[in-house]
């Protein structure tokens, strides 16, 4: 026997109320617990440690090169010093990802989904199609918000694993080169004495500069990899989820970047 429209409405409202309550009191606690994302936190902490080590050896390298006789190493030292801004940017992105892991579960399951269920209930009672679409969009947004960081970490772990050995080797080589310069100079302050000391070192000053040119290239490559894994891939995951939501539900969640216009002159 076919259910009447009123009974369908009651059943749908009951299901939505159950979903809201389960989301609010059960899933939100699980989704916001650190124990549920130990792998994600571990991967982000390892990446943060790598960035911090790279930042440290880069600063040490810049200082070490500035100790070399003459001004030949100044451009390389300045370029290494300029890389600190990129490291801070990457660290900020990693901290944001860690914050998102903690807060996204609370936002999605304790706030957005219960509100979405309330909107869908109101849409069913009032037969309002606009509200129904808004409710579906909010649920899709909540699930996407919750899944972005874990999904992006899973993808980036593969890339990080392939470059991990290279980055660690760069850190070790850079640390050794900086230590060699500092050990060679010791406490000497006389420019002529320092230059003679480096003449005894294999390759001399030019050899040390060549090493640090290679170091600069390797660190720059490492920064590029970290920017991709910390920033570009999460953005790509967001775009993928937007496309997936549209494919599965037919509901388009648009980012209004196309509506933004550059500021013009007054009166234009």
Protein backbone atom coordinates (compact mmCIF):
# COMPACT_ATOMS: atom_id res chain seq x y z
CA UNK A 1 0.00 0.00 0.00
CA UNK A 2 1.38 3.36 -1.01
CA UNK A 3 2.15 5.76 1.81
CA UNK A 4 0.29 9.05 1.90
CA UNK A 5 2.16 12.32 1.52
CA UNK A 6 1.63 13.12 5.21
CA UNK A 7 3.15 9.80 6.36
CA UNK A 8 6.12 10.29 4.02
CA UNK A 9 6.68 13.72 5.54
CA UNK A 10 6.53 12.32 9.09
CA UNK A 11 8.97 9.50 8.25
CA UNK A 12 11.37 11.92 6.55
CA UNK A 13 11.23 14.33 9.49
CA UNK A 14 11.88 11.46 11.93
CA UNK A 15 14.90 10.32 9.89
CA UNK A 16 16.29 13.85 9.74
CA UNK A 17 15.83 14.30 13.50
CA UNK A 18 17.68 11.01 14.15
CA UNK A 19 20.49 12.07 11.79
CA UNK A 20 20.78 15.44 13.55
CA UNK A 21 20.88 13.86 17.02
CA UNK A 22 23.39 11.16 16.04
CA UNK A 23 25.57 13.78 14.33
CA UNK A 24 25.38 16.12 17.33
CA UNK A 25 25.91 13.67 20.18
CA UNK A 26 27.80 10.72 18.66
CA UNK A 27 29.68 11.45 15.45
CA UNK A 28 30.87 14.92 16.49
CA UNK A 29 32.71 13.47 19.48
CA UNK A 30 34.44 10.85 17.34
CA UNK A 31 35.20 13.26 14.50
CA UNK A 32 36.76 15.87 16.82
CA UNK A 33 38.89 13.41 18.80
CA UNK A 34 42.64 13.40 18.18
CA UNK A 35 42.66 9.62 18.61
CA UNK A 36 40.63 9.32 15.40
CA UNK A 37 43.35 11.06 13.36
CA UNK A 38 46.63 9.84 14.83
CA UNK A 39 48.00 9.06 11.35
CA UNK A 40 47.08 12.51 10.03
CA UNK A 41 48.63 14.27 13.03
CA UNK A 42 51.77 12.15 12.77
CA UNK A 43 52.22 12.99 9.07
CA UNK A 44 51.70 16.73 9.68
CA UNK A 45 54.10 16.71 12.66
CA UNK A 46 56.77 14.97 10.58
CA UNK A 47 56.37 17.53 7.82
CA UNK A 48 56.59 20.39 10.33
CA UNK A 49 59.80 18.89 11.76
CA UNK A 50 61.28 18.66 8.26
CA UNK A 51 60.42 22.29 7.51
CA UNK A 52 61.89 23.42 10.83
CA UNK A 53 65.13 21.52 10.17
CA UNK A 54 65.37 23.00 6.67
CA UNK A 55 64.79 26.48 8.09
CA UNK A 56 67.55 25.94 10.65
CA UNK A 57 70.18 24.66 8.23
CA UNK A 58 69.30 27.39 5.72
CA UNK A 59 69.87 30.09 8.34
CA UNK A 60 73.10 28.40 9.42
CA UNK A 61 74.27 28.20 5.80
CA UNK A 62 73.55 31.89 5.22
CA UNK A 63 75.60 32.76 8.30
CA UNK A 64 78.44 30.41 7.35
CA UNK A 65 78.74 31.79 3.80
CA UNK A 66 78.92 35.33 5.15
CA UNK A 67 82.07 34.27 7.04
CA UNK A 68 83.92 33.38 3.84
CA UNK A 69 86.69 35.78 2.74
CA UNK A 70 85.59 38.48 0.32
CA UNK A 71 82.10 39.26 -0.90
CA UNK A 72 81.76 36.42 -3.41
CA UNK A 73 79.38 34.52 -1.15
CA UNK A 74 77.11 37.48 -0.31
CA UNK A 75 74.57 36.89 -3.13
CA UNK A 76 74.13 33.24 -2.14
CA UNK A 77 73.87 34.17 1.55
CA UNK A 78 71.21 36.78 0.75
CA UNK A 79 69.22 34.31 -1.35
CA UNK A 80 69.34 31.73 1.43
CA UNK A 81 68.20 34.34 3.95
CA UNK A 82 65.29 35.29 1.68
CA UNK A 83 63.99 31.71 1.76
CA UNK A 84 62.87 32.13 5.38
CA UNK A 85 59.59 33.71 4.21
CA UNK A 86 58.71 30.57 2.26
CA UNK A 87 59.38 28.39 5.28
CA UNK A 88 57.10 30.54 7.44
CA UNK A 89 54.39 30.29 4.78
CA UNK A 90 54.67 26.49 4.68
CA UNK A 91 54.64 26.25 8.49
CA UNK A 92 51.51 28.42 8.59
CA UNK A 93 49.83 26.11 6.05
CA UNK A 94 50.74 23.02 8.12
CA UNK A 95 49.43 24.64 11.32
CA UNK A 96 46.21 25.53 9.48
CA UNK A 97 45.83 21.92 8.38
CA UNK A 98 46.28 20.70 11.96
CA UNK A 99 43.74 23.25 13.16
CA UNK A 100 41.32 22.15 10.44
CA UNK A 101 41.58 18.51 11.54
CA UNK A 102 40.56 19.50 15.06
CA UNK A 103 37.85 22.02 14.26
CA UNK A 104 36.32 20.60 11.08
CA UNK A 105 34.67 17.69 12.92
CA UNK A 106 33.07 20.06 15.41
CA UNK A 107 31.87 22.45 12.69
CA UNK A 108 30.60 19.71 10.40
CA UNK A 109 28.81 17.36 12.80
CA UNK A 110 27.98 19.54 15.79
CA UNK A 111 26.86 22.63 13.90
CA UNK A 112 26.38 22.45 10.13
CA UNK A 113 24.68 19.04 9.74
CA UNK A 114 22.11 19.56 12.57
CA UNK A 115 21.29 22.99 11.13
CA UNK A 116 21.03 21.44 7.65
CA UNK A 117 18.59 18.82 8.95
CA UNK A 118 16.48 21.59 10.49
CA UNK A 119 16.45 23.45 7.17
CA UNK A 120 15.44 20.27 5.30
CA UNK A 121 12.62 19.64 7.79
CA UNK A 122 11.36 23.21 7.30
CA UNK A 123 11.68 22.82 3.52
CA UNK A 124 9.60 19.63 3.60
CA UNK A 125 6.87 21.14 5.77
CA UNK A 126 6.69 24.40 3.80
CA UNK A 127 7.36 22.67 0.45
CA UNK A 128 10.13 25.17 -0.24
CA UNK A 129 12.52 23.97 -2.95
CA UNK A 130 15.07 26.71 -2.29
CA UNK A 131 15.47 25.69 1.33
CA UNK A 132 15.81 22.04 0.30
CA UNK A 133 18.71 22.91 -2.03
CA UNK A 134 20.32 25.02 0.69
CA UNK A 135 20.07 22.13 3.15
CA UNK A 136 21.65 19.68 0.69
CA UNK A 137 24.43 22.15 -0.10
CA UNK A 138 25.20 22.61 3.58
CA UNK A 139 25.39 18.85 4.19
CA UNK A 140 27.71 18.42 1.19
CA UNK A 141 29.83 21.32 2.41
CA UNK A 142 30.06 19.81 5.92
CA UNK A 143 31.20 16.42 4.63
CA UNK A 144 33.67 18.08 2.26
CA UNK A 145 35.05 20.28 5.05
CA UNK A 146 35.59 17.25 7.26
CA UNK A 147 37.28 15.15 4.55
CA UNK A 148 39.61 17.75 2.98
CA UNK A 149 42.61 17.48 5.32
CA UNK A 150 42.67 13.67 5.79
CA UNK A 151 42.24 13.17 2.04
CA UNK A 152 44.98 15.66 1.15
CA UNK A 153 47.35 14.13 3.74
CA UNK A 154 46.84 10.67 2.23
CA UNK A 155 47.78 12.04 -1.20
CA UNK A 156 50.74 14.10 0.01
CA UNK A 157 52.22 11.23 2.02
CA UNK A 158 52.98 9.44 -1.26
CA UNK A 159 54.82 12.48 -2.62
CA UNK A 160 56.59 13.17 0.68
CA UNK A 161 57.78 9.55 0.85
CA UNK A 162 59.42 9.80 -2.59
CA UNK A 163 61.25 13.02 -1.68
CA UNK A 164 61.95 12.32 2.00
CA UNK A 165 65.37 10.76 1.46
CA UNK A 166 66.44 13.60 -0.83
CA UNK A 167 65.30 16.31 1.60
CA UNK A 168 66.97 14.61 4.56
CA UNK A 169 70.20 14.28 2.55
CA UNK A 170 70.01 18.00 1.71
CA UNK A 171 69.61 18.83 5.41
CA UNK A 172 72.58 16.65 6.37
CA UNK A 173 74.86 17.94 3.59
CA UNK A 174 73.99 21.56 4.36
CA UNK A 175 74.63 21.05 8.06
CA UNK A 176 78.03 19.43 7.35
CA UNK A 177 79.11 22.17 4.91
CA UNK A 178 78.21 24.91 7.41
CA UNK A 179 80.05 23.11 10.20
CA UNK A 180 83.13 22.70 7.99
CA UNK A 181 83.34 26.45 7.37
CA UNK A 182 82.87 27.29 11.03
CA UNK A 183 85.46 24.69 12.08
CA UNK A 184 87.95 25.99 9.49
CA UNK A 185 87.60 29.59 10.58
CA UNK A 186 87.49 28.80 14.30
CA UNK A 187 88.18 31.95 16.26
CA UNK A 188 90.38 33.60 13.65
CA UNK A 189 89.40 37.18 12.77
CA UNK A 190 92.19 38.28 10.48
CA UNK A 191 90.99 38.26 6.86
CA UNK A 192 94.37 37.22 5.49
CA UNK A 193 94.71 34.35 7.91
CA UNK A 194 91.21 33.12 7.10
CA UNK A 195 91.96 33.21 3.37
CA UNK A 196 95.12 31.17 3.90
CA UNK A 197 93.16 28.65 5.94
CA UNK A 198 90.70 28.16 3.10
CA UNK A 199 93.53 27.80 0.58
CA UNK A 200 94.45 24.64 2.46
CA UNK A 201 90.92 23.28 2.23
CA UNK A 202 90.14 21.19 -0.86
CA UNK A 203 88.71 23.51 -3.49
CA UNK A 204 89.34 26.64 -1.44
CA UNK A 205 86.74 29.40 -1.24
CA UNK A 206 85.48 28.74 -4.78
CA UNK A 207 84.90 25.10 -3.90
CA UNK A 208 82.89 26.08 -0.82
CA UNK A 209 80.80 28.51 -2.87
CA UNK A 210 80.07 25.83 -5.45
CA UNK A 211 78.86 23.53 -2.67
CA UNK A 212 76.48 26.18 -1.38
CA UNK A 213 75.21 26.97 -4.87
CA UNK A 214 74.18 23.33 -5.09
CA UNK A 215 72.73 23.60 -1.59
CA UNK A 216 70.66 26.62 -2.64
CA UNK A 217 69.29 24.67 -5.61
CA UNK A 218 68.43 21.65 -3.47
CA UNK A 219 66.72 23.73 -0.77
CA UNK A 220 64.74 25.60 -3.42
CA UNK A 221 63.59 22.28 -4.87
CA UNK A 222 62.63 21.07 -1.39
CA UNK A 223 60.60 24.25 -0.82
CA UNK A 224 58.79 23.70 -4.13
CA UNK A 225 57.87 20.15 -3.08
CA UNK A 226 56.66 21.33 0.34
CA UNK A 227 54.54 24.12 -1.18
CA UNK A 228 52.93 21.58 -3.50
CA UNK A 229 52.19 19.11 -0.71
CA UNK A 230 51.11 21.70 1.86
CA UNK A 231 49.17 24.16 -0.29
CA UNK A 232 48.56 23.08 -3.90
CA UNK A 233 47.29 19.55 -3.16
CA UNK A 234 44.77 20.65 -0.48
CA UNK A 235 43.38 23.19 -2.96
CA UNK A 236 43.22 20.49 -5.65
CA UNK A 237 41.38 18.21 -3.20
CA UNK A 238 38.81 20.97 -2.55
CA UNK A 239 38.23 21.37 -6.29
CA UNK A 240 37.90 17.59 -6.68
CA UNK A 241 35.32 17.42 -3.88
CA UNK A 242 33.32 20.27 -5.42
CA UNK A 243 33.27 18.40 -8.72
CA UNK A 244 32.35 15.13 -6.97
CA UNK A 245 29.45 16.76 -5.09
CA UNK A 246 28.09 18.18 -8.33
CA UNK A 247 28.50 14.81 -10.08
CA UNK A 248 26.72 12.81 -7.38
CA UNK A 249 23.98 15.22 -6.34
CA UNK A 250 23.60 17.60 -9.25
CA UNK A 251 24.03 20.45 -6.76
CA UNK A 252 26.70 22.95 -7.74
CA UNK A 253 28.64 24.63 -4.91
CA UNK A 254 30.32 27.51 -6.67
CA UNK A 255 33.25 29.58 -5.46
CA UNK A 256 32.34 33.18 -6.37
CA UNK A 257 35.78 34.13 -7.65
CA UNK A 258 34.34 35.04 -11.02
CA UNK A 259 32.13 37.70 -9.48
CA UNK A 260 35.02 39.53 -7.87
CA UNK A 261 36.14 42.57 -9.85
CA UNK A 262 39.42 44.40 -9.37
CA UNK A 263 38.96 47.80 -7.76
CA UNK A 264 38.86 50.60 -10.29
CA UNK A 265 39.25 54.28 -10.05
CA UNK A 266 36.43 56.29 -8.48
CA UNK A 267 33.72 57.08 -10.97
CA UNK A 268 34.66 54.25 -13.35
